Amino acid sequence: MQRIENVNPAEATGKAKQLLTGVQAKLGITPNLMKAMAQAPAALEAYLHFSGSLATGVLDAKFREQLAIAVAQANSCEYCLSAHTAIGGMVGLTAEELSASRESHAADAKRNAGLQFAQKVVVQRGIIGDEDYAAVKNAGYSDAEIVEIIGHVGLNIFTNYFNNIVKTDVDFPKVPVTLAHTA
């Protein structure tokens, strides 16, 4: 059961109403993540600004979704894994790319290195050794791209932790966190 009640956009007032109206206008839907986050409009506004700013960066939409999927898997966040799998399909990721992203892999060597780096940032809590940093640089990532990868990891950790704590009701086609490994 969800721990924090969603704000009903039809009953919202003030800043929460303004933000939820903007989300609905932009996305055509108001996800439960944002309805729950609207209990603290400052947090929702910060999330929307951070997300919106990173969306204008140098990383393309497909890679941003692959990063979100890899981070959601690493943090066992069913809500974000479900949401970003759906969005990833909408931006053109194939079923194979979506599945590989869950394991922080990609067929493209550069994207693979970026996903591996992002996973290490999550798992190692930002303590990255010289070898891991050299691997992402040697794959061809610019300083700007590395900064944005770190930004996306941070943004997704925020939503992953939020949803895991709140137990946000998944309002996308559910994707279970458990990976089926074959030998």
N, C-alpha and C. Protein backbone atom coordinates (compact mmCIF):
# COMPACT_ATOMS: atom_id res chain seq x y z
N MET A 1 0.83 -1.17 0.00
CA MET A 1 0.00 0.00 0.00
C MET A 1 0.88 1.25 0.00
N GLN A 2 0.51 2.21 -0.81
CA GLN A 2 1.27 3.44 -0.92
C GLN A 2 1.26 4.18 0.41
N ARG A 3 2.43 4.64 0.85
CA ARG A 3 2.58 5.25 2.17
C ARG A 3 2.21 6.74 2.22
N ILE A 4 2.41 7.44 1.13
CA ILE A 4 2.07 8.87 1.07
C ILE A 4 0.97 9.02 0.04
N GLU A 5 -0.09 9.67 0.45
CA GLU A 5 -1.26 9.82 -0.41
C GLU A 5 -0.95 10.71 -1.62
N ASN A 6 -1.46 10.31 -2.77
CA ASN A 6 -1.35 11.14 -3.96
C ASN A 6 -2.19 12.40 -3.78
N VAL A 7 -1.70 13.50 -4.32
CA VAL A 7 -2.49 14.72 -4.39
C VAL A 7 -3.37 14.59 -5.63
N ASN A 8 -4.66 14.73 -5.45
CA ASN A 8 -5.59 14.69 -6.58
C ASN A 8 -5.46 16.00 -7.34
N PRO A 9 -5.04 15.95 -8.60
CA PRO A 9 -4.85 17.20 -9.35
C PRO A 9 -6.10 18.08 -9.39
N ALA A 10 -7.28 17.46 -9.40
CA ALA A 10 -8.53 18.23 -9.45
C ALA A 10 -8.79 18.97 -8.15
N GLU A 11 -8.20 18.51 -7.05
CA GLU A 11 -8.41 19.13 -5.75
C GLU A 11 -7.19 19.91 -5.26
N ALA A 12 -6.11 19.87 -6.02
CA ALA A 12 -4.87 20.54 -5.61
C ALA A 12 -5.06 22.05 -5.62
N THR A 13 -4.26 22.71 -4.79
CA THR A 13 -4.29 24.18 -4.72
C THR A 13 -2.87 24.70 -4.79
N GLY A 14 -2.75 25.98 -5.04
CA GLY A 14 -1.47 26.67 -4.97
C GLY A 14 -0.42 26.08 -5.91
N LYS A 15 0.80 25.99 -5.38
CA LYS A 15 1.95 25.53 -6.16
C LYS A 15 1.75 24.10 -6.64
N ALA A 16 1.16 23.23 -5.81
CA ALA A 16 0.93 21.85 -6.22
C ALA A 16 0.03 21.80 -7.46
N LYS A 17 -1.03 22.59 -7.46
CA LYS A 17 -1.94 22.62 -8.60
C LYS A 17 -1.22 23.11 -9.85
N GLN A 18 -0.44 24.19 -9.69
CA GLN A 18 0.30 24.74 -10.83
C GLN A 18 1.24 23.69 -11.43
N LEU A 19 1.98 22.99 -10.58
CA LEU A 19 2.94 22.00 -11.05
C LEU A 19 2.25 20.80 -11.69
N LEU A 20 1.20 20.30 -11.05
CA LEU A 20 0.49 19.13 -11.60
C LEU A 20 -0.21 19.47 -12.91
N THR A 21 -0.74 20.68 -13.02
CA THR A 21 -1.35 21.13 -14.27
C THR A 21 -0.30 21.16 -15.38
N GLY A 22 0.88 21.63 -15.06
CA GLY A 22 1.98 21.67 -16.03
C GLY A 22 2.41 20.29 -16.46
N VAL A 23 2.48 19.35 -15.52
CA VAL A 23 2.84 17.96 -15.84
C VAL A 23 1.80 17.37 -16.79
N GLN A 24 0.52 17.54 -16.47
CA GLN A 24 -0.55 17.02 -17.30
C GLN A 24 -0.49 17.61 -18.71
N ALA A 25 -0.24 18.90 -18.79
CA ALA A 25 -0.18 19.57 -20.10
C ALA A 25 1.00 19.06 -20.93
N LYS A 26 2.13 18.81 -20.28
CA LYS A 26 3.33 18.37 -21.00
C LYS A 26 3.29 16.90 -21.36
N LEU A 27 2.85 16.05 -20.43
CA LEU A 27 2.91 14.61 -20.64
C LEU A 27 1.59 13.99 -21.12
N GLY A 28 0.50 14.70 -20.90
CA GLY A 28 -0.80 14.12 -21.21
C GLY A 28 -1.31 13.19 -20.13
N ILE A 29 -0.50 12.96 -19.11
CA ILE A 29 -0.86 12.15 -17.94
C ILE A 29 -0.20 12.78 -16.72
N THR A 30 -0.65 12.39 -15.55
CA THR A 30 -0.01 12.83 -14.32
C THR A 30 0.36 11.57 -13.54
N PRO A 31 1.61 11.12 -13.69
CA PRO A 31 2.04 9.89 -13.02
C PRO A 31 1.93 9.97 -11.50
N ASN A 32 1.70 8.80 -10.89
CA ASN A 32 1.58 8.73 -9.43
C ASN A 32 2.82 9.26 -8.72
N LEU A 33 4.01 9.08 -9.30
CA LEU A 33 5.22 9.64 -8.71
C LEU A 33 5.03 11.13 -8.43
N MET A 34 4.52 11.84 -9.42
CA MET A 34 4.40 13.30 -9.29
C MET A 34 3.22 13.68 -8.41
N LYS A 35 2.18 12.89 -8.41
CA LYS A 35 1.04 13.15 -7.52
C LYS A 35 1.46 13.00 -6.06
N ALA A 36 2.26 11.98 -5.77
CA ALA A 36 2.73 11.78 -4.39
C ALA A 36 3.75 12.85 -4.01
N MET A 37 4.65 13.16 -4.95
CA MET A 37 5.67 14.16 -4.68
C MET A 37 5.05 15.55 -4.47
N ALA A 38 3.86 15.76 -5.03
CA ALA A 38 3.18 17.06 -4.90
C ALA A 38 2.78 17.36 -3.45
N GLN A 39 2.86 16.38 -2.57
CA GLN A 39 2.64 16.66 -1.14
C GLN A 39 3.66 17.69 -0.65
N ALA A 40 4.83 17.73 -1.30
CA ALA A 40 5.86 18.74 -1.00
C ALA A 40 6.18 19.43 -2.32
N PRO A 41 5.43 20.46 -2.68
CA PRO A 41 5.64 21.11 -3.98
C PRO A 41 7.08 21.52 -4.25
N ALA A 42 7.83 21.87 -3.23
CA ALA A 42 9.24 22.23 -3.45
C ALA A 42 10.03 21.05 -3.98
N ALA A 43 9.74 19.86 -3.48
CA ALA A 43 10.43 18.65 -3.97
C ALA A 43 10.02 18.34 -5.40
N LEU A 44 8.73 18.44 -5.70
CA LEU A 44 8.26 18.20 -7.06
C LEU A 44 8.87 19.21 -8.01
N GLU A 45 8.88 20.47 -7.62
CA GLU A 45 9.45 21.50 -8.48
C GLU A 45 10.94 21.26 -8.73
N ALA A 46 11.67 20.87 -7.70
CA ALA A 46 13.10 20.58 -7.84
C ALA A 46 13.30 19.41 -8.81
N TYR A 47 12.51 18.36 -8.64
CA TYR A 47 12.60 17.20 -9.53
C TYR A 47 12.32 17.61 -10.98
N LEU A 48 11.25 18.37 -11.20
CA LEU A 48 10.88 18.77 -12.55
C LEU A 48 11.95 19.65 -13.19
N HIS A 49 12.54 20.55 -12.41
CA HIS A 49 13.60 21.42 -12.95
C HIS A 49 14.85 20.60 -13.27
N PHE A 50 15.24 19.71 -12.37
CA PHE A 50 16.43 18.87 -12.58
C PHE A 50 16.23 18.00 -13.82
N SER A 51 15.10 17.34 -13.89
CA SER A 51 14.78 16.48 -15.03
C SER A 51 14.71 17.28 -16.33
N GLY A 52 14.05 18.41 -16.28
CA GLY A 52 13.91 19.25 -17.47
C GLY A 52 15.24 19.79 -17.96
N SER A 53 16.08 20.17 -17.04
CA SER A 53 17.40 20.69 -17.43
C SER A 53 18.25 19.60 -18.07
N LEU A 54 18.26 18.42 -17.48
CA LEU A 54 19.06 17.33 -18.05
C LEU A 54 18.52 16.89 -19.42
N ALA A 55 17.23 17.05 -19.64
CA ALA A 55 16.64 16.67 -20.93
C ALA A 55 17.15 17.56 -22.07
N THR A 56 17.71 18.72 -21.74
CA THR A 56 18.23 19.62 -22.77
C THR A 56 19.74 19.45 -22.96
N GLY A 57 20.32 18.47 -22.31
CA GLY A 57 21.76 18.27 -22.36
C GLY A 57 22.24 17.56 -23.61
N VAL A 58 23.46 17.06 -23.55
CA VAL A 58 24.10 16.43 -24.70
C VAL A 58 23.74 14.96 -24.88
N LEU A 59 23.20 14.31 -23.86
CA LEU A 59 22.85 12.89 -23.98
C LEU A 59 21.48 12.76 -24.63
N ASP A 60 21.36 11.84 -25.59
CA ASP A 60 20.09 11.69 -26.30
C ASP A 60 19.05 10.95 -25.46
N ALA A 61 17.80 11.05 -25.88
CA ALA A 61 16.67 10.49 -25.12
C ALA A 61 16.80 8.99 -24.90
N LYS A 62 17.25 8.27 -25.91
CA LYS A 62 17.39 6.81 -25.76
C LYS A 62 18.40 6.48 -24.66
N PHE A 63 19.55 7.14 -24.68
CA PHE A 63 20.57 6.85 -23.68
C PHE A 63 20.12 7.28 -22.29
N ARG A 64 19.40 8.39 -22.20
CA ARG A 64 18.88 8.83 -20.89
C ARG A 64 17.95 7.76 -20.32
N GLU A 65 17.13 7.15 -21.16
CA GLU A 65 16.22 6.09 -20.68
C GLU A 65 17.00 4.83 -20.32
N GLN A 66 18.04 4.52 -21.09
CA GLN A 66 18.87 3.36 -20.74
C GLN A 66 19.53 3.57 -19.38
N LEU A 67 20.01 4.78 -19.13
CA LEU A 67 20.59 5.09 -17.82
C LEU A 67 19.55 4.93 -16.71
N ALA A 68 18.36 5.45 -16.94
CA ALA A 68 17.30 5.37 -15.92
C ALA A 68 16.95 3.92 -15.62
N ILE A 69 16.91 3.09 -16.65
CA ILE A 69 16.60 1.67 -16.47
C ILE A 69 17.71 0.98 -15.69
N ALA A 70 18.96 1.24 -16.05
CA ALA A 70 20.09 0.63 -15.35
C ALA A 70 20.10 1.02 -13.87
N VAL A 71 19.86 2.30 -13.60
CA VAL A 71 19.86 2.78 -12.21
C VAL A 71 18.67 2.20 -11.45
N ALA A 72 17.50 2.15 -12.08
CA ALA A 72 16.31 1.58 -11.42
C ALA A 72 16.54 0.11 -11.07
N GLN A 73 17.15 -0.62 -11.99
CA GLN A 73 17.43 -2.03 -11.72
C GLN A 73 18.41 -2.16 -10.56
N ALA A 74 19.46 -1.35 -10.58
CA ALA A 74 20.47 -1.41 -9.51
C ALA A 74 19.88 -1.07 -8.15
N ASN A 75 18.85 -0.20 -8.14
CA ASN A 75 18.22 0.22 -6.88
C ASN A 75 16.92 -0.53 -6.59
N SER A 76 16.61 -1.55 -7.38
CA SER A 76 15.40 -2.36 -7.18
C SER A 76 14.14 -1.51 -7.12
N CYS A 77 14.01 -0.55 -8.03
CA CYS A 77 12.84 0.32 -8.05
C CYS A 77 11.88 -0.12 -9.15
N GLU A 78 10.84 -0.84 -8.77
CA GLU A 78 9.87 -1.33 -9.74
C GLU A 78 9.13 -0.19 -10.43
N TYR A 79 8.81 0.86 -9.71
CA TYR A 79 8.09 1.98 -10.32
C TYR A 79 8.92 2.58 -11.46
N CYS A 80 10.16 2.94 -11.17
CA CYS A 80 11.00 3.58 -12.19
C CYS A 80 11.36 2.61 -13.31
N LEU A 81 11.60 1.36 -12.97
CA LEU A 81 11.89 0.37 -14.01
C LEU A 81 10.70 0.25 -14.96
N SER A 82 9.51 0.22 -14.42
CA SER A 82 8.30 0.14 -15.23
C SER A 82 8.11 1.40 -16.07
N ALA A 83 8.23 2.56 -15.44
CA ALA A 83 8.03 3.83 -16.15
C ALA A 83 9.05 4.02 -17.26
N HIS A 84 10.31 3.78 -16.96
CA HIS A 84 11.35 4.05 -17.97
C HIS A 84 11.41 2.97 -19.04
N THR A 85 10.93 1.78 -18.75
CA THR A 85 10.80 0.77 -19.80
C THR A 85 9.72 1.21 -20.78
N ALA A 86 8.61 1.71 -20.26
CA ALA A 86 7.54 2.20 -21.14
C ALA A 86 8.01 3.41 -21.94
N ILE A 87 8.66 4.35 -21.28
CA ILE A 87 9.14 5.55 -21.98
C ILE A 87 10.24 5.18 -22.97
N GLY A 88 11.10 4.26 -22.58
CA GLY A 88 12.16 3.81 -23.48
C GLY A 88 11.61 3.24 -24.77
N GLY A 89 10.53 2.48 -24.66
CA GLY A 89 9.88 1.97 -25.87
C GLY A 89 9.32 3.09 -26.72
N MET A 90 8.80 4.12 -26.05
CA MET A 90 8.24 5.27 -26.78
C MET A 90 9.30 6.06 -27.53
N VAL A 91 10.54 6.09 -27.01
CA VAL A 91 11.60 6.85 -27.68
C VAL A 91 12.38 5.99 -28.66
N GLY A 92 11.97 4.74 -28.83
CA GLY A 92 12.56 3.91 -29.88
C GLY A 92 13.51 2.82 -29.45
N LEU A 93 13.65 2.57 -28.15
CA LEU A 93 14.50 1.45 -27.73
C LEU A 93 13.79 0.14 -28.04
N THR A 94 14.53 -0.83 -28.54
CA THR A 94 13.97 -2.14 -28.85
C THR A 94 13.84 -2.96 -27.57
N ALA A 95 13.10 -4.06 -27.65
CA ALA A 95 12.97 -4.96 -26.51
C ALA A 95 14.34 -5.46 -26.06
N GLU A 96 15.22 -5.73 -27.00
CA GLU A 96 16.56 -6.20 -26.67
C GLU A 96 17.36 -5.11 -25.95
N GLU A 97 17.24 -3.87 -26.43
CA GLU A 97 17.95 -2.76 -25.79
C GLU A 97 17.42 -2.51 -24.38
N LEU A 98 16.11 -2.61 -24.21
CA LEU A 98 15.51 -2.42 -22.89
C LEU A 98 16.01 -3.49 -21.93
N SER A 99 16.02 -4.73 -22.38
CA SER A 99 16.47 -5.83 -21.54
C SER A 99 17.94 -5.70 -21.19
N ALA A 100 18.77 -5.38 -22.16
CA ALA A 100 20.20 -5.22 -21.91
C ALA A 100 20.47 -4.07 -20.96
N SER A 101 19.69 -3.00 -21.06
CA SER A 101 19.87 -1.85 -20.18
C SER A 101 19.70 -2.23 -18.72
N ARG A 102 18.83 -3.18 -18.46
CA ARG A 102 18.60 -3.62 -17.08
C ARG A 102 19.88 -4.21 -16.48
N GLU A 103 20.72 -4.76 -17.34
CA GLU A 103 21.98 -5.35 -16.87
C GLU A 103 23.16 -4.40 -17.13
N SER A 104 22.83 -3.14 -17.42
CA SER A 104 23.83 -2.10 -17.69
C SER A 104 24.71 -2.47 -18.87
N HIS A 105 24.07 -2.97 -19.92
CA HIS A 105 24.78 -3.33 -21.14
C HIS A 105 24.09 -2.71 -22.35
N ALA A 106 24.87 -2.53 -23.39
CA ALA A 106 24.37 -2.06 -24.68
C ALA A 106 25.25 -2.65 -25.77
N ALA A 107 24.69 -2.86 -26.95
CA ALA A 107 25.46 -3.40 -28.07
C ALA A 107 26.53 -2.42 -28.52
N ASP A 108 26.24 -1.13 -28.47
CA ASP A 108 27.19 -0.09 -28.83
C ASP A 108 28.24 0.02 -27.72
N ALA A 109 29.51 -0.05 -28.08
CA ALA A 109 30.59 -0.07 -27.08
C ALA A 109 30.60 1.18 -26.21
N LYS A 110 30.36 2.35 -26.81
CA LYS A 110 30.39 3.58 -26.02
C LYS A 110 29.24 3.59 -25.01
N ARG A 111 28.03 3.27 -25.48
CA ARG A 111 26.89 3.24 -24.56
C ARG A 111 27.09 2.19 -23.47
N ASN A 112 27.66 1.06 -23.85
CA ASN A 112 27.93 0.01 -22.88
C ASN A 112 28.84 0.54 -21.77
N ALA A 113 29.90 1.24 -22.16
CA ALA A 113 30.83 1.81 -21.17
C ALA A 113 30.12 2.83 -20.28
N GLY A 114 29.24 3.63 -20.86
CA GLY A 114 28.50 4.62 -20.08
C GLY A 114 27.56 3.96 -19.08
N LEU A 115 26.89 2.91 -19.51
CA LEU A 115 25.98 2.19 -18.60
C LEU A 115 26.75 1.48 -17.49
N GLN A 116 27.89 0.90 -17.84
CA GLN A 116 28.72 0.25 -16.83
C GLN A 116 29.21 1.27 -15.80
N PHE A 117 29.61 2.44 -16.30
CA PHE A 117 30.06 3.52 -15.41
C PHE A 117 28.93 3.94 -14.48
N ALA A 118 27.74 4.15 -15.03
CA ALA A 118 26.59 4.56 -14.21
C ALA A 118 26.29 3.53 -13.13
N GLN A 119 26.32 2.26 -13.51
CA GLN A 119 26.05 1.20 -12.53
C GLN A 119 27.09 1.25 -11.41
N LYS A 120 28.35 1.46 -11.77
CA LYS A 120 29.39 1.53 -10.75
C LYS A 120 29.20 2.74 -9.84
N VAL A 121 28.76 3.86 -10.41
CA VAL A 121 28.49 5.03 -9.59
C VAL A 121 27.43 4.69 -8.53
N VAL A 122 26.39 3.95 -8.94
CA VAL A 122 25.33 3.57 -8.00
C VAL A 122 25.86 2.58 -6.97
N VAL A 123 26.39 1.49 -7.44
CA VAL A 123 26.80 0.39 -6.55
C VAL A 123 27.93 0.81 -5.62
N GLN A 124 28.86 1.62 -6.13
CA GLN A 124 30.01 2.04 -5.34
C GLN A 124 29.79 3.38 -4.66
N ARG A 125 28.53 3.86 -4.70
CA ARG A 125 28.12 5.10 -4.05
C ARG A 125 29.03 6.28 -4.40
N GLY A 126 29.37 6.36 -5.68
CA GLY A 126 30.13 7.50 -6.16
C GLY A 126 31.63 7.40 -5.96
N ILE A 127 32.10 6.33 -5.36
CA ILE A 127 33.53 6.16 -5.16
C ILE A 127 34.07 5.38 -6.36
N ILE A 128 34.56 6.14 -7.35
CA ILE A 128 35.00 5.56 -8.61
C ILE A 128 36.53 5.58 -8.68
N GLY A 129 37.10 4.41 -8.94
CA GLY A 129 38.55 4.32 -9.07
C GLY A 129 39.05 4.88 -10.39
N ASP A 130 40.34 5.09 -10.47
CA ASP A 130 40.96 5.63 -11.68
C ASP A 130 40.71 4.73 -12.89
N GLU A 131 40.73 3.44 -12.69
CA GLU A 131 40.52 2.50 -13.80
C GLU A 131 39.11 2.63 -14.37
N ASP A 132 38.12 2.74 -13.50
CA ASP A 132 36.73 2.89 -13.95
C ASP A 132 36.53 4.23 -14.65
N TYR A 133 37.15 5.27 -14.14
CA TYR A 133 37.04 6.58 -14.77
C TYR A 133 37.74 6.57 -16.13
N ALA A 134 38.90 5.95 -16.20
CA ALA A 134 39.63 5.86 -17.46
C ALA A 134 38.83 5.08 -18.50
N ALA A 135 38.11 4.05 -18.06
CA ALA A 135 37.32 3.24 -19.00
C ALA A 135 36.24 4.08 -19.68
N VAL A 136 35.56 4.94 -18.93
CA VAL A 136 34.51 5.76 -19.54
C VAL A 136 35.13 6.85 -20.42
N LYS A 137 36.26 7.41 -20.02
CA LYS A 137 36.95 8.40 -20.86
C LYS A 137 37.47 7.74 -22.15
N ASN A 138 38.06 6.57 -22.01
CA ASN A 138 38.61 5.87 -23.17
C ASN A 138 37.53 5.40 -24.14
N ALA A 139 36.31 5.28 -23.67
CA ALA A 139 35.19 4.91 -24.54
C ALA A 139 34.75 6.09 -25.40
N GLY A 140 35.27 7.27 -25.11
CA GLY A 140 34.97 8.44 -25.93
C GLY A 140 34.04 9.46 -25.29
N TYR A 141 33.79 9.34 -24.00
CA TYR A 141 32.91 10.30 -23.34
C TYR A 141 33.66 11.59 -23.03
N SER A 142 33.00 12.71 -23.34
CA SER A 142 33.55 14.03 -23.02
C SER A 142 33.29 14.32 -21.54
N ASP A 143 33.94 15.35 -21.05
CA ASP A 143 33.69 15.76 -19.66
C ASP A 143 32.21 16.12 -19.48
N ALA A 144 31.62 16.82 -20.45
CA ALA A 144 30.20 17.19 -20.35
C ALA A 144 29.32 15.96 -20.28
N GLU A 145 29.61 14.96 -21.08
CA GLU A 145 28.80 13.73 -21.06
C GLU A 145 28.94 13.00 -19.72
N ILE A 146 30.13 12.97 -19.18
CA ILE A 146 30.34 12.32 -17.89
C ILE A 146 29.59 13.05 -16.79
N VAL A 147 29.65 14.38 -16.82
CA VAL A 147 28.90 15.17 -15.83
C VAL A 147 27.41 14.85 -15.94
N GLU A 148 26.89 14.78 -17.15
CA GLU A 148 25.47 14.48 -17.32
C GLU A 148 25.12 13.06 -16.90
N ILE A 149 26.00 12.09 -17.16
CA ILE A 149 25.74 10.73 -16.68
C ILE A 149 25.60 10.75 -15.16
N ILE A 150 26.53 11.44 -14.49
CA ILE A 150 26.47 11.55 -13.02
C ILE A 150 25.17 12.25 -12.61
N GLY A 151 24.78 13.29 -13.33
CA GLY A 151 23.52 13.98 -13.04
C GLY A 151 22.32 13.06 -13.17
N HIS A 152 22.30 12.26 -14.23
CA HIS A 152 21.18 11.32 -14.42
C HIS A 152 21.15 10.25 -13.33
N VAL A 153 22.33 9.80 -12.93
CA VAL A 153 22.37 8.84 -11.83
C VAL A 153 21.76 9.47 -10.57
N GLY A 154 22.17 10.70 -10.26
CA GLY A 154 21.64 11.38 -9.08
C GLY A 154 20.14 11.60 -9.15
N LEU A 155 19.66 12.06 -10.29
CA LEU A 155 18.22 12.27 -10.48
C LEU A 155 17.46 10.96 -10.28
N ASN A 156 17.96 9.90 -10.87
CA ASN A 156 17.26 8.63 -10.79
C ASN A 156 17.38 7.99 -9.41
N ILE A 157 18.48 8.21 -8.72
CA ILE A 157 18.55 7.74 -7.33
C ILE A 157 17.47 8.43 -6.50
N PHE A 158 17.29 9.73 -6.71
CA PHE A 158 16.24 10.44 -5.98
C PHE A 158 14.87 9.81 -6.22
N THR A 159 14.50 9.58 -7.49
CA THR A 159 13.17 9.01 -7.76
C THR A 159 13.10 7.55 -7.32
N ASN A 160 14.19 6.81 -7.46
CA ASN A 160 14.18 5.41 -7.01
C ASN A 160 13.95 5.34 -5.50
N TYR A 161 14.70 6.12 -4.76
CA TYR A 161 14.56 6.10 -3.31
C TYR A 161 13.17 6.60 -2.90
N PHE A 162 12.72 7.65 -3.55
CA PHE A 162 11.38 8.17 -3.26
C PHE A 162 10.34 7.07 -3.45
N ASN A 163 10.34 6.44 -4.60
CA ASN A 163 9.33 5.42 -4.89
C ASN A 163 9.48 4.18 -4.01
N ASN A 164 10.71 3.78 -3.70
CA ASN A 164 10.89 2.63 -2.83
C ASN A 164 10.39 2.92 -1.42
N ILE A 165 10.62 4.12 -0.93
CA ILE A 165 10.17 4.49 0.41
C ILE A 165 8.66 4.68 0.45
N VAL A 166 8.13 5.39 -0.53
CA VAL A 166 6.70 5.71 -0.56
C VAL A 166 5.86 4.50 -0.98
N LYS A 167 6.50 3.56 -1.69
CA LYS A 167 5.80 2.41 -2.27
C LYS A 167 4.74 2.90 -3.26
N THR A 168 5.18 3.81 -4.13
CA THR A 168 4.29 4.43 -5.11
C THR A 168 3.60 3.36 -5.95
N ASP A 169 2.29 3.48 -6.08
CA ASP A 169 1.54 2.54 -6.91
C ASP A 169 1.99 2.71 -8.36
N VAL A 170 2.38 1.59 -8.99
CA VAL A 170 2.87 1.62 -10.37
C VAL A 170 1.69 1.84 -11.31
N ASP A 171 1.78 2.92 -12.09
CA ASP A 171 0.71 3.24 -13.04
C ASP A 171 1.20 3.14 -14.48
N PHE A 172 2.17 2.29 -14.70
CA PHE A 172 2.69 1.92 -16.02
C PHE A 172 2.62 0.40 -16.10
N PRO A 173 2.75 -0.19 -17.28
CA PRO A 173 2.82 -1.66 -17.34
C PRO A 173 3.96 -2.14 -16.45
N LYS A 174 3.64 -3.02 -15.48
CA LYS A 174 4.63 -3.43 -14.49
C LYS A 174 5.74 -4.26 -15.10
N VAL A 175 6.96 -3.91 -14.69
CA VAL A 175 8.16 -4.66 -15.05
C VAL A 175 8.79 -5.07 -13.72
N PRO A 176 8.79 -6.36 -13.43
CA PRO A 176 9.37 -6.79 -12.15
C PRO A 176 10.89 -6.58 -12.12
N VAL A 177 11.40 -6.26 -10.95
CA VAL A 177 12.81 -5.98 -10.79
C VAL A 177 13.65 -7.25 -10.98
N THR A 178 13.11 -8.38 -10.62
CA THR A 178 13.84 -9.63 -10.70
C THR A 178 14.25 -9.92 -12.14
N LEU A 179 15.53 -10.22 -12.31
CA LEU A 179 16.04 -10.60 -13.62
C LEU A 179 16.11 -12.12 -13.71
N ALA A 180 15.68 -12.65 -14.84
CA ALA A 180 15.78 -14.08 -15.07
C ALA A 180 17.14 -14.34 -15.70
N HIS A 181 18.00 -15.03 -14.99
CA HIS A 181 19.33 -15.36 -15.52
C HIS A 181 19.33 -16.80 -16.01
N THR A 182 19.90 -16.99 -17.17
CA THR A 182 20.01 -18.35 -17.71
C THR A 182 21.47 -18.76 -17.72
N ALA A 183 21.70 -20.03 -17.47
CA ALA A 183 23.09 -20.51 -17.42
C ALA A 183 23.50 -21.07 -18.77
